[in-house]
Amino acid sequence: MANARDRSFSSSSEAALQNISTCKEAIVTLERRVKEIEWQVTVHNATSGVSKEELIESKETIAQLYGSLDKLQYHGVDGIITADLKTGKDHVREQRKELNRQCESIRTLMMSLHQQLKAQVAATT
């Protein structure tokens, strides 16, 4: 079976696939930043070696990243229209669904981290 990218797509399908690629890159970058904060939370849980100021900064960063994720998902991923596509409709639709699953996974992690950070800030003097 040929890879979907081996087929010839219309210019509108190619544009949609380029938008998918751009969104993927943005999601990877955002996820990397969330993972860095997750590591910081893990270090704090294991050693209490993270200051209250750093915890507050991380909590605020998670809140900002949450907003960035919402914007990326609702304006970027969900803004990729498949209704008018002919040649790549199914492929683009599946890619978009995968990006939405990734966004939801990251969102769940972010909510958990925010709650943990909130508790850690409250417990830190």
PDB file of N, CA and C in Angstrom:
ATOM      1  N   MET A   1       0.845  -1.179   0.000  1.00  0.00           N
ATOM      2  CA  MET A   1       0.000   0.000   0.000  1.00  0.00           C
ATOM      3  C   MET A   1       0.891   1.241   0.000  1.00  0.00           C
ATOM      4  N   ALA A   2       0.618   2.176  -0.843  1.00  0.00           N
ATOM      5  CA  ALA A   2       1.432   3.371  -0.971  1.00  0.00           C
ATOM      6  C   ALA A   2       1.177   4.310   0.197  1.00  0.00           C
ATOM      7  N   ASN A   3       2.225   4.995   0.602  1.00  0.00           N
ATOM      8  CA  ASN A   3       2.127   6.015   1.628  1.00  0.00           C
ATOM      9  C   ASN A   3       1.239   7.130   1.092  1.00  0.00           C
ATOM     10  N   ALA A   4       0.441   7.735   1.971  1.00  0.00           N
ATOM     11  CA  ALA A   4      -0.468   8.790   1.541  1.00  0.00           C
ATOM     12  C   ALA A   4       0.286   9.966   0.921  1.00  0.00           C
ATOM     13  N   ARG A   5       1.512  10.231   1.384  1.00  0.00           N
ATOM     14  CA  ARG A   5       2.285  11.342   0.850  1.00  0.00           C
ATOM     15  C   ARG A   5       2.856  11.024  -0.527  1.00  0.00           C
ATOM     16  N   ASP A   6       2.832   9.742  -0.949  1.00  0.00           N
ATOM     17  CA  ASP A   6       3.312   9.369  -2.274  1.00  0.00           C
ATOM     18  C   ASP A   6       2.289   9.708  -3.352  1.00  0.00           C
ATOM     19  N   ARG A   7       1.060   9.910  -2.937  1.00  0.00           N
ATOM     20  CA  ARG A   7       0.014  10.252  -3.895  1.00  0.00           C
ATOM     21  C   ARG A   7       0.091  11.727  -4.256  1.00  0.00           C
ATOM     22  N   SER A   8      -0.535  12.085  -5.335  1.00  0.00           N
ATOM     23  CA  SER A   8      -0.585  13.468  -5.756  1.00  0.00           C
ATOM     24  C   SER A   8      -1.837  14.122  -5.168  1.00  0.00           C
ATOM     25  N   PHE A   9      -1.637  15.217  -4.449  1.00  0.00           N
ATOM     26  CA  PHE A   9      -2.747  15.935  -3.838  1.00  0.00           C
ATOM     27  C   PHE A   9      -2.974  17.250  -4.562  1.00  0.00           C
ATOM     28  N   SER A  10      -4.187  17.751  -4.472  1.00  0.00           N
ATOM     29  CA  SER A  10      -4.510  19.059  -5.037  1.00  0.00           C
ATOM     30  C   SER A  10      -3.783  20.140  -4.232  1.00  0.00           C
ATOM     31  N   SER A  11      -3.741  21.332  -4.773  1.00  0.00           N
ATOM     32  CA  SER A  11      -3.054  22.428  -4.078  1.00  0.00           C
ATOM     33  C   SER A  11      -3.736  22.750  -2.752  1.00  0.00           C
ATOM     34  N   SER A  12      -5.050  22.653  -2.684  1.00  0.00           N
ATOM     35  CA  SER A  12      -5.742  22.927  -1.416  1.00  0.00           C
ATOM     36  C   SER A  12      -5.442  21.841  -0.386  1.00  0.00           C
ATOM     37  N   SER A  13      -5.312  20.599  -0.824  1.00  0.00           N
ATOM     38  CA  SER A  13      -4.938  19.521   0.094  1.00  0.00           C
ATOM     39  C   SER A  13      -3.498  19.687   0.561  1.00  0.00           C
ATOM     40  N   GLU A  14      -2.614  20.081  -0.348  1.00  0.00           N
ATOM     41  CA  GLU A  14      -1.222  20.339   0.029  1.00  0.00           C
ATOM     42  C   GLU A  14      -1.144  21.476   1.046  1.00  0.00           C
ATOM     43  N   ALA A  15      -1.944  22.515   0.849  1.00  0.00           N
ATOM     44  CA  ALA A  15      -1.960  23.638   1.794  1.00  0.00           C
ATOM     45  C   ALA A  15      -2.452  23.175   3.163  1.00  0.00           C
ATOM     46  N   ALA A  16      -3.470  22.338   3.177  1.00  0.00           N
ATOM     47  CA  ALA A  16      -3.988  21.811   4.441  1.00  0.00           C
ATOM     48  C   ALA A  16      -2.938  20.945   5.131  1.00  0.00           C
ATOM     49  N   LEU A  17      -2.222  20.137   4.359  1.00  0.00           N
ATOM     50  CA  LEU A  17      -1.160  19.301   4.928  1.00  0.00           C
ATOM     51  C   LEU A  17      -0.018  20.162   5.464  1.00  0.00           C
ATOM     52  N   GLN A  18       0.272  21.261   4.814  1.00  0.00           N
ATOM     53  CA  GLN A  18       1.296  22.190   5.315  1.00  0.00           C
ATOM     54  C   GLN A  18       0.837  22.806   6.637  1.00  0.00           C
ATOM     55  N   ASN A  19      -0.440  23.146   6.730  1.00  0.00           N
ATOM     56  CA  ASN A  19      -0.981  23.678   7.983  1.00  0.00           C
ATOM     57  C   ASN A  19      -0.904  22.632   9.098  1.00  0.00           C
ATOM     58  N   ILE A  20      -1.169  21.380   8.741  1.00  0.00           N
ATOM     59  CA  ILE A  20      -1.051  20.273   9.709  1.00  0.00           C
ATOM     60  C   ILE A  20       0.389  20.209  10.215  1.00  0.00           C
ATOM     61  N   SER A  21       1.342  20.281   9.309  1.00  0.00           N
ATOM     62  CA  SER A  21       2.754  20.215   9.669  1.00  0.00           C
ATOM     63  C   SER A  21       3.148  21.369  10.591  1.00  0.00           C
ATOM     64  N   THR A  22       2.677  22.557  10.284  1.00  0.00           N
ATOM     65  CA  THR A  22       2.958  23.726  11.114  1.00  0.00           C
ATOM     66  C   THR A  22       2.380  23.551  12.516  1.00  0.00           C
ATOM     67  N   CYS A  23       1.165  23.034  12.589  1.00  0.00           N
ATOM     68  CA  CYS A  23       0.531  22.789  13.887  1.00  0.00           C
ATOM     69  C   CYS A  23       1.283  21.720  14.670  1.00  0.00           C
ATOM     70  N   LYS A  24       1.733  20.677  13.983  1.00  0.00           N
ATOM     71  CA  LYS A  24       2.509  19.616  14.646  1.00  0.00           C
ATOM     72  C   LYS A  24       3.753  20.186  15.299  1.00  0.00           C
ATOM     73  N   GLU A  25       4.464  21.021  14.560  1.00  0.00           N
ATOM     74  CA  GLU A  25       5.686  21.631  15.088  1.00  0.00           C
ATOM     75  C   GLU A  25       5.381  22.471  16.322  1.00  0.00           C
ATOM     76  N   ALA A  26       4.315  23.245  16.273  1.00  0.00           N
ATOM     77  CA  ALA A  26       3.939  24.084  17.409  1.00  0.00           C
ATOM     78  C   ALA A  26       3.553  23.234  18.617  1.00  0.00           C
ATOM     79  N   ILE A  27       2.849  22.134  18.376  1.00  0.00           N
ATOM     80  CA  ILE A  27       2.445  21.243  19.460  1.00  0.00           C
ATOM     81  C   ILE A  27       3.668  20.590  20.099  1.00  0.00           C
ATOM     82  N   VAL A  28       4.621  20.158  19.281  1.00  0.00           N
ATOM     83  CA  VAL A  28       5.850  19.544  19.804  1.00  0.00           C
ATOM     84  C   VAL A  28       6.607  20.544  20.681  1.00  0.00           C
ATOM     85  N   THR A  29       6.716  21.784  20.237  1.00  0.00           N
ATOM     86  CA  THR A  29       7.404  22.815  21.003  1.00  0.00           C
ATOM     87  C   THR A  29       6.698  23.058  22.331  1.00  0.00           C
ATOM     88  N   LEU A  30       5.386  23.182  22.295  1.00  0.00           N
ATOM     89  CA  LEU A  30       4.610  23.405  23.505  1.00  0.00           C
ATOM     90  C   LEU A  30       4.733  22.214  24.456  1.00  0.00           C
ATOM     91  N   GLU A  31       4.652  21.010  23.907  1.00  0.00           N
ATOM     92  CA  GLU A  31       4.752  19.810  24.733  1.00  0.00           C
ATOM     93  C   GLU A  31       6.128  19.723  25.402  1.00  0.00           C
ATOM     94  N   ARG A  32       7.156  20.127  24.702  1.00  0.00           N
ATOM     95  CA  ARG A  32       8.512  20.119  25.262  1.00  0.00           C
ATOM     96  C   ARG A  32       8.578  21.045  26.478  1.00  0.00           C
ATOM     97  N   ARG A  33       7.982  22.207  26.378  1.00  0.00           N
ATOM     98  CA  ARG A  33       7.982  23.152  27.505  1.00  0.00           C
ATOM     99  C   ARG A  33       7.195  22.580  28.680  1.00  0.00           C
ATOM    100  N   VAL A  34       6.085  21.921  28.409  1.00  0.00           N
ATOM    101  CA  VAL A  34       5.292  21.307  29.476  1.00  0.00           C
ATOM    102  C   VAL A  34       6.094  20.200  30.152  1.00  0.00           C
ATOM    103  N   LYS A  35       6.814  19.409  29.373  1.00  0.00           N
ATOM    104  CA  LYS A  35       7.632  18.326  29.930  1.00  0.00           C
ATOM    105  C   LYS A  35       8.747  18.872  30.820  1.00  0.00           C
ATOM    106  N   GLU A  36       9.298  20.030  30.466  1.00  0.00           N
ATOM    107  CA  GLU A  36      10.311  20.657  31.318  1.00  0.00           C
ATOM    108  C   GLU A  36       9.728  21.014  32.675  1.00  0.00           C
ATOM    109  N   ILE A  37       8.528  21.535  32.676  1.00  0.00           N
ATOM    110  CA  ILE A  37       7.865  21.878  33.936  1.00  0.00           C
ATOM    111  C   ILE A  37       7.499  20.606  34.698  1.00  0.00           C
ATOM    112  N   GLU A  38       7.094  19.574  33.979  1.00  0.00           N
ATOM    113  CA  GLU A  38       6.795  18.297  34.631  1.00  0.00           C
ATOM    114  C   GLU A  38       8.047  17.778  35.340  1.00  0.00           C
ATOM    115  N   TRP A  39       9.190  17.915  34.716  1.00  0.00           N
ATOM    116  CA  TRP A  39      10.445  17.487  35.330  1.00  0.00           C
ATOM    117  C   TRP A  39      10.706  18.289  36.596  1.00  0.00           C
ATOM    118  N   GLN A  40      10.470  19.596  36.535  1.00  0.00           N
ATOM    119  CA  GLN A  40      10.677  20.456  37.706  1.00  0.00           C
ATOM    120  C   GLN A  40       9.763  20.025  38.858  1.00  0.00           C
ATOM    121  N   VAL A  41       8.522  19.707  38.551  1.00  0.00           N
ATOM    122  CA  VAL A  41       7.584  19.247  39.573  1.00  0.00           C
ATOM    123  C   VAL A  41       8.081  17.935  40.174  1.00  0.00           C
ATOM    124  N   THR A  42       8.569  17.043  39.338  1.00  0.00           N
ATOM    125  CA  THR A  42       9.092  15.759  39.809  1.00  0.00           C
ATOM    126  C   THR A  42      10.292  15.969  40.728  1.00  0.00           C
ATOM    127  N   VAL A  43      11.187  16.869  40.340  1.00  0.00           N
ATOM    128  CA  VAL A  43      12.356  17.171  41.174  1.00  0.00           C
ATOM    129  C   VAL A  43      11.904  17.724  42.524  1.00  0.00           C
ATOM    130  N   HIS A  44      10.944  18.635  42.491  1.00  0.00           N
ATOM    131  CA  HIS A  44      10.458  19.209  43.749  1.00  0.00           C
ATOM    132  C   HIS A  44       9.840  18.133  44.630  1.00  0.00           C
ATOM    133  N   ASN A  45       9.067  17.240  44.034  1.00  0.00           N
ATOM    134  CA  ASN A  45       8.449  16.157  44.810  1.00  0.00           C
ATOM    135  C   ASN A  45       9.508  15.255  45.437  1.00  0.00           C
ATOM    136  N   ALA A  46      10.618  15.057  44.746  1.00  0.00           N
ATOM    137  CA  ALA A  46      11.656  14.148  45.229  1.00  0.00           C
ATOM    138  C   ALA A  46      12.623  14.813  46.212  1.00  0.00           C
ATOM    139  N   THR A  47      12.898  16.116  46.038  1.00  0.00           N
ATOM    140  CA  THR A  47      13.966  16.735  46.824  1.00  0.00           C
ATOM    141  C   THR A  47      13.589  18.038  47.513  1.00  0.00           C
ATOM    142  N   SER A  48      12.482  18.633  47.158  1.00  0.00           N
ATOM    143  CA  SER A  48      12.116  19.977  47.637  1.00  0.00           C
ATOM    144  C   SER A  48      13.201  20.992  47.287  1.00  0.00           C
ATOM    145  N   GLY A  49      13.908  20.754  46.185  1.00  0.00           N
ATOM    146  CA  GLY A  49      15.002  21.617  45.774  1.00  0.00           C
ATOM    147  C   GLY A  49      14.599  22.741  44.850  1.00  0.00           C
ATOM    148  N   VAL A  50      13.318  23.018  44.757  1.00  0.00           N
ATOM    149  CA  VAL A  50      12.834  24.076  43.878  1.00  0.00           C
ATOM    150  C   VAL A  50      12.211  25.147  44.767  1.00  0.00           C
ATOM    151  N   SER A  51      12.601  26.400  44.544  1.00  0.00           N
ATOM    152  CA  SER A  51      12.110  27.493  45.390  1.00  0.00           C
ATOM    153  C   SER A  51      10.638  27.797  45.107  1.00  0.00           C
ATOM    154  N   LYS A  52      10.023  28.465  46.077  1.00  0.00           N
ATOM    155  CA  LYS A  52       8.616  28.871  45.930  1.00  0.00           C
ATOM    156  C   LYS A  52       8.447  29.782  44.711  1.00  0.00           C
ATOM    157  N   GLU A  53       9.415  30.672  44.498  1.00  0.00           N
ATOM    158  CA  GLU A  53       9.348  31.585  43.355  1.00  0.00           C
ATOM    159  C   GLU A  53       9.352  30.816  42.031  1.00  0.00           C
ATOM    160  N   GLU A  54      10.194  29.791  41.968  1.00  0.00           N
ATOM    161  CA  GLU A  54      10.238  28.967  40.752  1.00  0.00           C
ATOM    162  C   GLU A  54       8.927  28.207  40.559  1.00  0.00           C
ATOM    163  N   LEU A  55       8.348  27.729  41.645  1.00  0.00           N
ATOM    164  CA  LEU A  55       7.062  27.031  41.554  1.00  0.00           C
ATOM    165  C   LEU A  55       5.966  27.968  41.059  1.00  0.00           C
ATOM    166  N   ILE A  56       5.952  29.186  41.597  1.00  0.00           N
ATOM    167  CA  ILE A  56       4.951  30.176  41.161  1.00  0.00           C
ATOM    168  C   ILE A  56       5.148  30.498  39.684  1.00  0.00           C
ATOM    169  N   GLU A  57       6.391  30.688  39.282  1.00  0.00           N
ATOM    170  CA  GLU A  57       6.686  30.978  37.877  1.00  0.00           C
ATOM    171  C   GLU A  57       6.230  29.828  36.977  1.00  0.00           C
ATOM    172  N   SER A  58       6.480  28.597  37.408  1.00  0.00           N
ATOM    173  CA  SER A  58       6.059  27.431  36.629  1.00  0.00           C
ATOM    174  C   SER A  58       4.542  27.340  36.548  1.00  0.00           C
ATOM    175  N   LYS A  59       3.877  27.637  37.642  1.00  0.00           N
ATOM    176  CA  LYS A  59       2.403  27.607  37.659  1.00  0.00           C
ATOM    177  C   LYS A  59       1.852  28.647  36.678  1.00  0.00           C
ATOM    178  N   GLU A  60       2.433  29.832  36.677  1.00  0.00           N
ATOM    179  CA  GLU A  60       2.003  30.879  35.746  1.00  0.00           C
ATOM    180  C   GLU A  60       2.312  30.495  34.307  1.00  0.00           C
ATOM    181  N   THR A  61       3.460  29.862  34.097  1.00  0.00           N
ATOM    182  CA  THR A  61       3.828  29.419  32.750  1.00  0.00           C
ATOM    183  C   THR A  61       2.852  28.369  32.243  1.00  0.00           C
ATOM    184  N   ILE A  62       2.481  27.426  33.113  1.00  0.00           N
ATOM    185  CA  ILE A  62       1.502  26.403  32.712  1.00  0.00           C
ATOM    186  C   ILE A  62       0.189  27.070  32.312  1.00  0.00           C
ATOM    187  N   ALA A  63      -0.238  28.071  33.065  1.00  0.00           N
ATOM    188  CA  ALA A  63      -1.482  28.775  32.725  1.00  0.00           C
ATOM    189  C   ALA A  63      -1.360  29.445  31.355  1.00  0.00           C
ATOM    190  N   GLN A  64      -0.214  30.058  31.081  1.00  0.00           N
ATOM    191  CA  GLN A  64      -0.002  30.692  29.775  1.00  0.00           C
ATOM    192  C   GLN A  64       0.036  29.654  28.654  1.00  0.00           C
ATOM    193  N   LEU A  65       0.718  28.542  28.918  1.00  0.00           N
ATOM    194  CA  LEU A  65       0.793  27.482  27.913  1.00  0.00           C
ATOM    195  C   LEU A  65      -0.581  26.888  27.641  1.00  0.00           C
ATOM    196  N   TYR A  66      -1.405  26.805  28.677  1.00  0.00           N
ATOM    197  CA  TYR A  66      -2.767  26.307  28.517  1.00  0.00           C
ATOM    198  C   TYR A  66      -3.530  27.196  27.529  1.00  0.00           C
ATOM    199  N   GLY A  67      -3.380  28.506  27.697  1.00  0.00           N
ATOM    200  CA  GLY A  67      -4.009  29.441  26.760  1.00  0.00           C
ATOM    201  C   GLY A  67      -3.454  29.292  25.355  1.00  0.00           C
ATOM    202  N   SER A  68      -2.150  29.094  25.255  1.00  0.00           N
ATOM    203  CA  SER A  68      -1.527  28.899  23.937  1.00  0.00           C
ATOM    204  C   SER A  68      -2.030  27.624  23.281  1.00  0.00           C
ATOM    205  N   LEU A  69      -2.191  26.569  24.086  1.00  0.00           N
ATOM    206  CA  LEU A  69      -2.701  25.309  23.551  1.00  0.00           C
ATOM    207  C   LEU A  69      -4.131  25.474  23.044  1.00  0.00           C
ATOM    208  N   ASP A  70      -4.960  26.162  23.823  1.00  0.00           N
ATOM    209  CA  ASP A  70      -6.334  26.409  23.384  1.00  0.00           C
ATOM    210  C   ASP A  70      -6.357  27.156  22.059  1.00  0.00           C
ATOM    211  N   LYS A  71      -5.570  28.209  21.976  1.00  0.00           N
ATOM    212  CA  LYS A  71      -5.515  29.001  20.743  1.00  0.00           C
ATOM    213  C   LYS A  71      -5.031  28.150  19.576  1.00  0.00           C
ATOM    214  N   LEU A  72      -3.975  27.385  19.813  1.00  0.00           N
ATOM    215  CA  LEU A  72      -3.434  26.518  18.758  1.00  0.00           C
ATOM    216  C   LEU A  72      -4.462  25.494  18.298  1.00  0.00           C
ATOM    217  N   GLN A  73      -5.152  24.873  19.251  1.00  0.00           N
ATOM    218  CA  GLN A  73      -6.126  23.853  18.883  1.00  0.00           C
ATOM    219  C   GLN A  73      -7.339  24.449  18.178  1.00  0.00           C
ATOM    220  N   TYR A  74      -7.900  25.478  18.742  1.00  0.00           N
ATOM    221  CA  TYR A  74      -9.157  25.996  18.214  1.00  0.00           C
ATOM    222  C   TYR A  74      -9.001  26.870  16.978  1.00  0.00           C
ATOM    223  N   HIS A  75      -7.871  27.541  16.860  1.00  0.00           N
ATOM    224  CA  HIS A  75      -7.676  28.390  15.680  1.00  0.00           C
ATOM    225  C   HIS A  75      -6.757  27.743  14.650  1.00  0.00           C
ATOM    226  N   GLY A  76      -5.823  26.912  15.118  1.00  0.00           N
ATOM    227  CA  GLY A  76      -4.892  26.260  14.206  1.00  0.00           C
ATOM    228  C   GLY A  76      -5.419  24.928  13.710  1.00  0.00           C
ATOM    229  N   VAL A  77      -5.512  23.957  14.613  1.00  0.00           N
ATOM    230  CA  VAL A  77      -5.921  22.599  14.230  1.00  0.00           C
ATOM    231  C   VAL A  77      -7.358  22.582  13.717  1.00  0.00           C
ATOM    232  N   ASP A  78      -8.272  23.127  14.507  1.00  0.00           N
ATOM    233  CA  ASP A  78      -9.676  23.103  14.099  1.00  0.00           C
ATOM    234  C   ASP A  78      -9.967  24.060  12.945  1.00  0.00           C
ATOM    235  N   GLY A  79      -9.035  24.960  12.672  1.00  0.00           N
ATOM    236  CA  GLY A  79      -9.191  25.879  11.549  1.00  0.00           C
ATOM    237  C   GLY A  79      -8.819  25.256  10.210  1.00  0.00           C
ATOM    238  N   ILE A  80      -8.332  24.032  10.237  1.00  0.00           N
ATOM    239  CA  ILE A  80      -7.982  23.335   8.996  1.00  0.00           C
ATOM    240  C   ILE A  80      -9.253  22.687   8.463  1.00  0.00           C
ATOM    241  N   ILE A  81      -9.777  23.261   7.427  1.00  0.00           N
ATOM    242  CA  ILE A  81     -11.063  22.837   6.865  1.00  0.00           C
ATOM    243  C   ILE A  81     -10.844  21.702   5.865  1.00  0.00           C
ATOM    244  N   THR A  82     -11.634  20.641   6.025  1.00  0.00           N
ATOM    245  CA  THR A  82     -11.518  19.495   5.122  1.00  0.00           C
ATOM    246  C   THR A  82     -12.714  19.357   4.180  1.00  0.00           C
ATOM    247  N   ALA A  83     -13.763  20.102   4.435  1.00  0.00           N
ATOM    248  CA  ALA A  83     -15.002  19.924   3.661  1.00  0.00           C
ATOM    249  C   ALA A  83     -14.800  20.121   2.158  1.00  0.00           C
ATOM    250  N   ASP A  84     -13.936  21.051   1.779  1.00  0.00           N
ATOM    251  CA  ASP A  84     -13.743  21.355   0.359  1.00  0.00           C
ATOM    252  C   ASP A  84     -12.643  20.525  -0.301  1.00  0.00           C
ATOM    253  N   LEU A  85     -11.967  19.705   0.477  1.00  0.00           N
ATOM    254  CA  LEU A  85     -10.871  18.912  -0.082  1.00  0.00           C
ATOM    255  C   LEU A  85     -11.404  17.705  -0.841  1.00  0.00           C
ATOM    256  N   LYS A  86     -10.688  17.333  -1.874  1.00  0.00           N
ATOM    257  CA  LYS A  86     -11.072  16.157  -2.657  1.00  0.00           C
ATOM    258  C   LYS A  86     -10.008  15.068  -2.511  1.00  0.00           C
ATOM    259  N   THR A  87      -8.787  15.377  -2.938  1.00  0.00           N
ATOM    260  CA  THR A  87      -7.758  14.338  -3.024  1.00  0.00           C
ATOM    261  C   THR A  87      -7.178  13.917  -1.682  1.00  0.00           C
ATOM    262  N   GLY A  88      -7.122  14.818  -0.707  1.00  0.00           N
ATOM    263  CA  GLY A  88      -6.481  14.477   0.556  1.00  0.00           C
ATOM    264  C   GLY A  88      -7.395  14.550   1.754  1.00  0.00           C
ATOM    265  N   LYS A  89      -8.682  14.578   1.496  1.00  0.00           N
ATOM    266  CA  LYS A  89      -9.659  14.804   2.563  1.00  0.00           C
ATOM    267  C   LYS A  89      -9.500  13.820   3.727  1.00  0.00           C
ATOM    268  N   ASP A  90      -9.488  12.535   3.443  1.00  0.00           N
ATOM    269  CA  ASP A  90      -9.407  11.532   4.513  1.00  0.00           C
ATOM    270  C   ASP A  90      -8.073  11.619   5.252  1.00  0.00           C
ATOM    271  N   HIS A  91      -6.998  11.805   4.500  1.00  0.00           N
ATOM    272  CA  HIS A  91      -5.672  11.895   5.112  1.00  0.00           C
ATOM    273  C   HIS A  91      -5.576  13.116   6.035  1.00  0.00           C
ATOM    274  N   VAL A  92      -6.010  14.268   5.558  1.00  0.00           N
ATOM    275  CA  VAL A  92      -5.968  15.495   6.362  1.00  0.00           C
ATOM    276  C   VAL A  92      -6.874  15.348   7.582  1.00  0.00           C
ATOM    277  N   ARG A  93      -8.035  14.787   7.393  1.00  0.00           N
ATOM    278  CA  ARG A  93      -8.977  14.601   8.508  1.00  0.00           C
ATOM    279  C   ARG A  93      -8.357  13.709   9.594  1.00  0.00           C
ATOM    280  N   GLU A  94      -7.703  12.629   9.196  1.00  0.00           N
ATOM    281  CA  GLU A  94      -7.080  11.731  10.167  1.00  0.00           C
ATOM    282  C   GLU A  94      -5.924  12.423  10.891  1.00  0.00           C
ATOM    283  N   GLN A  95      -5.131  13.187  10.148  1.00  0.00           N
ATOM    284  CA  GLN A  95      -4.028  13.932  10.761  1.00  0.00           C
ATOM    285  C   GLN A  95      -4.558  14.959  11.769  1.00  0.00           C
ATOM    286  N   ARG A  96      -5.624  15.606  11.405  1.00  0.00           N
ATOM    287  CA  ARG A  96      -6.234  16.611  12.296  1.00  0.00           C
ATOM    288  C   ARG A  96      -6.767  15.949  13.565  1.00  0.00           C
ATOM    289  N   LYS A  97      -7.394  14.778  13.426  1.00  0.00           N
ATOM    290  CA  LYS A  97      -7.884  14.047  14.605  1.00  0.00           C
ATOM    291  C   LYS A  97      -6.735  13.675  15.526  1.00  0.00           C
ATOM    292  N   GLU A  98      -5.614  13.250  14.947  1.00  0.00           N
ATOM    293  CA  GLU A  98      -4.445  12.893  15.750  1.00  0.00           C
ATOM    294  C   GLU A  98      -3.914  14.109  16.503  1.00  0.00           C
ATOM    295  N   LEU A  99      -3.864  15.258  15.847  1.00  0.00           N
ATOM    296  CA  LEU A  99      -3.409  16.476  16.516  1.00  0.00           C
ATOM    297  C   LEU A  99      -4.348  16.838  17.666  1.00  0.00           C
ATOM    298  N   ASN A 100      -5.646  16.674  17.460  1.00  0.00           N
ATOM    299  CA  ASN A 100      -6.602  16.956  18.535  1.00  0.00           C
ATOM    300  C   ASN A 100      -6.403  15.998  19.707  1.00  0.00           C
ATOM    301  N   ARG A 101      -6.096  14.737  19.422  1.00  0.00           N
ATOM    302  CA  ARG A 101      -5.815  13.779  20.508  1.00  0.00           C
ATOM    303  C   ARG A 101      -4.565  14.210  21.280  1.00  0.00           C
ATOM    304  N   GLN A 102      -3.542  14.637  20.568  1.00  0.00           N
ATOM    305  CA  GLN A 102      -2.322  15.115  21.222  1.00  0.00           C
ATOM    306  C   GLN A 102      -2.620  16.322  22.109  1.00  0.00           C
ATOM    307  N   CYS A 103      -3.410  17.243  21.593  1.00  0.00           N
ATOM    308  CA  CYS A 103      -3.766  18.436  22.363  1.00  0.00           C
ATOM    309  C   CYS A 103      -4.492  18.051  23.648  1.00  0.00           C
ATOM    310  N   GLU A 104      -5.404  17.118  23.558  1.00  0.00           N
ATOM    311  CA  GLU A 104      -6.151  16.691  24.747  1.00  0.00           C
ATOM    312  C   GLU A 104      -5.237  16.010  25.756  1.00  0.00           C
ATOM    313  N   SER A 105      -4.292  15.233  25.286  1.00  0.00           N
ATOM    314  CA  SER A 105      -3.328  14.576  26.170  1.00  0.00           C
ATOM    315  C   SER A 105      -2.466  15.613  26.894  1.00  0.00           C
ATOM    316  N   ILE A 106      -1.990  16.589  26.161  1.00  0.00           N
ATOM    317  CA  ILE A 106      -1.177  17.657  26.756  1.00  0.00           C
ATOM    318  C   ILE A 106      -2.021  18.458  27.747  1.00  0.00           C
ATOM    319  N   ARG A 107      -3.263  18.744  27.380  1.00  0.00           N
ATOM    320  CA  ARG A 107      -4.161  19.496  28.253  1.00  0.00           C
ATOM    321  C   ARG A 107      -4.360  18.770  29.584  1.00  0.00           C
ATOM    322  N   THR A 108      -4.541  17.461  29.537  1.00  0.00           N
ATOM    323  CA  THR A 108      -4.716  16.675  30.753  1.00  0.00           C
ATOM    324  C   THR A 108      -3.468  16.770  31.634  1.00  0.00           C
ATOM    325  N   LEU A 109      -2.296  16.647  31.034  1.00  0.00           N
ATOM    326  CA  LEU A 109      -1.045  16.769  31.775  1.00  0.00           C
ATOM    327  C   LEU A 109      -0.918  18.161  32.389  1.00  0.00           C
ATOM    328  N   MET A 110      -1.250  19.187  31.618  1.00  0.00           N
ATOM    329  CA  MET A 110      -1.149  20.559  32.104  1.00  0.00           C
ATOM    330  C   MET A 110      -2.074  20.791  33.297  1.00  0.00           C
ATOM    331  N   MET A 111      -3.270  20.270  33.241  1.00  0.00           N
ATOM    332  CA  MET A 111      -4.214  20.439  34.353  1.00  0.00           C
ATOM    333  C   MET A 111      -3.666  19.766  35.611  1.00  0.00           C
ATOM    334  N   SER A 112      -3.099  18.582  35.447  1.00  0.00           N
ATOM    335  CA  SER A 112      -2.507  17.871  36.573  1.00  0.00           C
ATOM    336  C   SER A 112      -1.326  18.648  37.153  1.00  0.00           C
ATOM    337  N   LEU A 113      -0.462  19.139  36.288  1.00  0.00           N
ATOM    338  CA  LEU A 113       0.694  19.911  36.748  1.00  0.00           C
ATOM    339  C   LEU A 113       0.261  21.181  37.464  1.00  0.00           C
ATOM    340  N   HIS A 114      -0.746  21.846  36.929  1.00  0.00           N
ATOM    341  CA  HIS A 114      -1.225  23.084  37.558  1.00  0.00           C
ATOM    342  C   HIS A 114      -1.726  22.790  38.970  1.00  0.00           C
ATOM    343  N   GLN A 115      -2.476  21.706  39.136  1.00  0.00           N
ATOM    344  CA  GLN A 115      -2.970  21.334  40.466  1.00  0.00           C
ATOM    345  C   GLN A 115      -1.818  20.993  41.407  1.00  0.00           C
ATOM    346  N   GLN A 116      -0.842  20.244  40.903  1.00  0.00           N
ATOM    347  CA  GLN A 116       0.320  19.903  41.733  1.00  0.00           C
ATOM    348  C   GLN A 116       1.102  21.154  42.136  1.00  0.00           C
ATOM    349  N   LEU A 117       1.312  22.041  41.194  1.00  0.00           N
ATOM    350  CA  LEU A 117       2.046  23.271  41.486  1.00  0.00           C
ATOM    351  C   LEU A 117       1.277  24.138  42.476  1.00  0.00           C
ATOM    352  N   LYS A 118      -0.005  24.216  42.316  1.00  0.00           N
ATOM    353  CA  LYS A 118      -0.844  24.989  43.234  1.00  0.00           C
ATOM    354  C   LYS A 118      -0.685  24.446  44.658  1.00  0.00           C
ATOM    355  N   ALA A 119      -0.719  23.140  44.800  1.00  0.00           N
ATOM    356  CA  ALA A 119      -0.557  22.512  46.120  1.00  0.00           C
ATOM    357  C   ALA A 119       0.851  22.744  46.652  1.00  0.00           C
ATOM    358  N   GLN A 120       1.853  22.638  45.790  1.00  0.00           N
ATOM    359  CA  GLN A 120       3.238  22.823  46.237  1.00  0.00           C
ATOM    360  C   GLN A 120       3.485  24.267  46.671  1.00  0.00           C
ATOM    361  N   VAL A 121       2.931  25.222  45.939  1.00  0.00           N
ATOM    362  CA  VAL A 121       3.092  26.631  46.329  1.00  0.00           C
ATOM    363  C   VAL A 121       2.435  26.863  47.686  1.00  0.00           C
ATOM    364  N   ALA A 122       1.260  26.313  47.888  1.00  0.00           N
ATOM    365  CA  ALA A 122       0.558  26.481  49.161  1.00  0.00           C
ATOM    366  C   ALA A 122       1.322  25.856  50.321  1.00  0.00           C
ATOM    367  N   ALA A 123       2.021  24.748  50.039  1.00  0.00           N
ATOM    368  CA  ALA A 123       2.737  24.035  51.098  1.00  0.00           C
ATOM    369  C   ALA A 123       4.140  24.587  51.351  1.00  0.00           C
ATOM    370  N   THR A 124       4.648  25.418  50.448  1.00  0.00           N
ATOM    371  CA  THR A 124       6.006  25.934  50.558  1.00  0.00           C
ATOM    372  C   THR A 124       5.976  27.270  51.287  1.00  0.00           C
ATOM    373  N   THR A 125       6.902  27.419  52.210  1.00  0.00           N
ATOM    374  CA  THR A 125       6.970  28.685  52.961  1.00  0.00           C
ATOM    375  C   THR A 125       8.056  29.587  52.464  1.00  0.00           C
TER     376      THR A 125
END
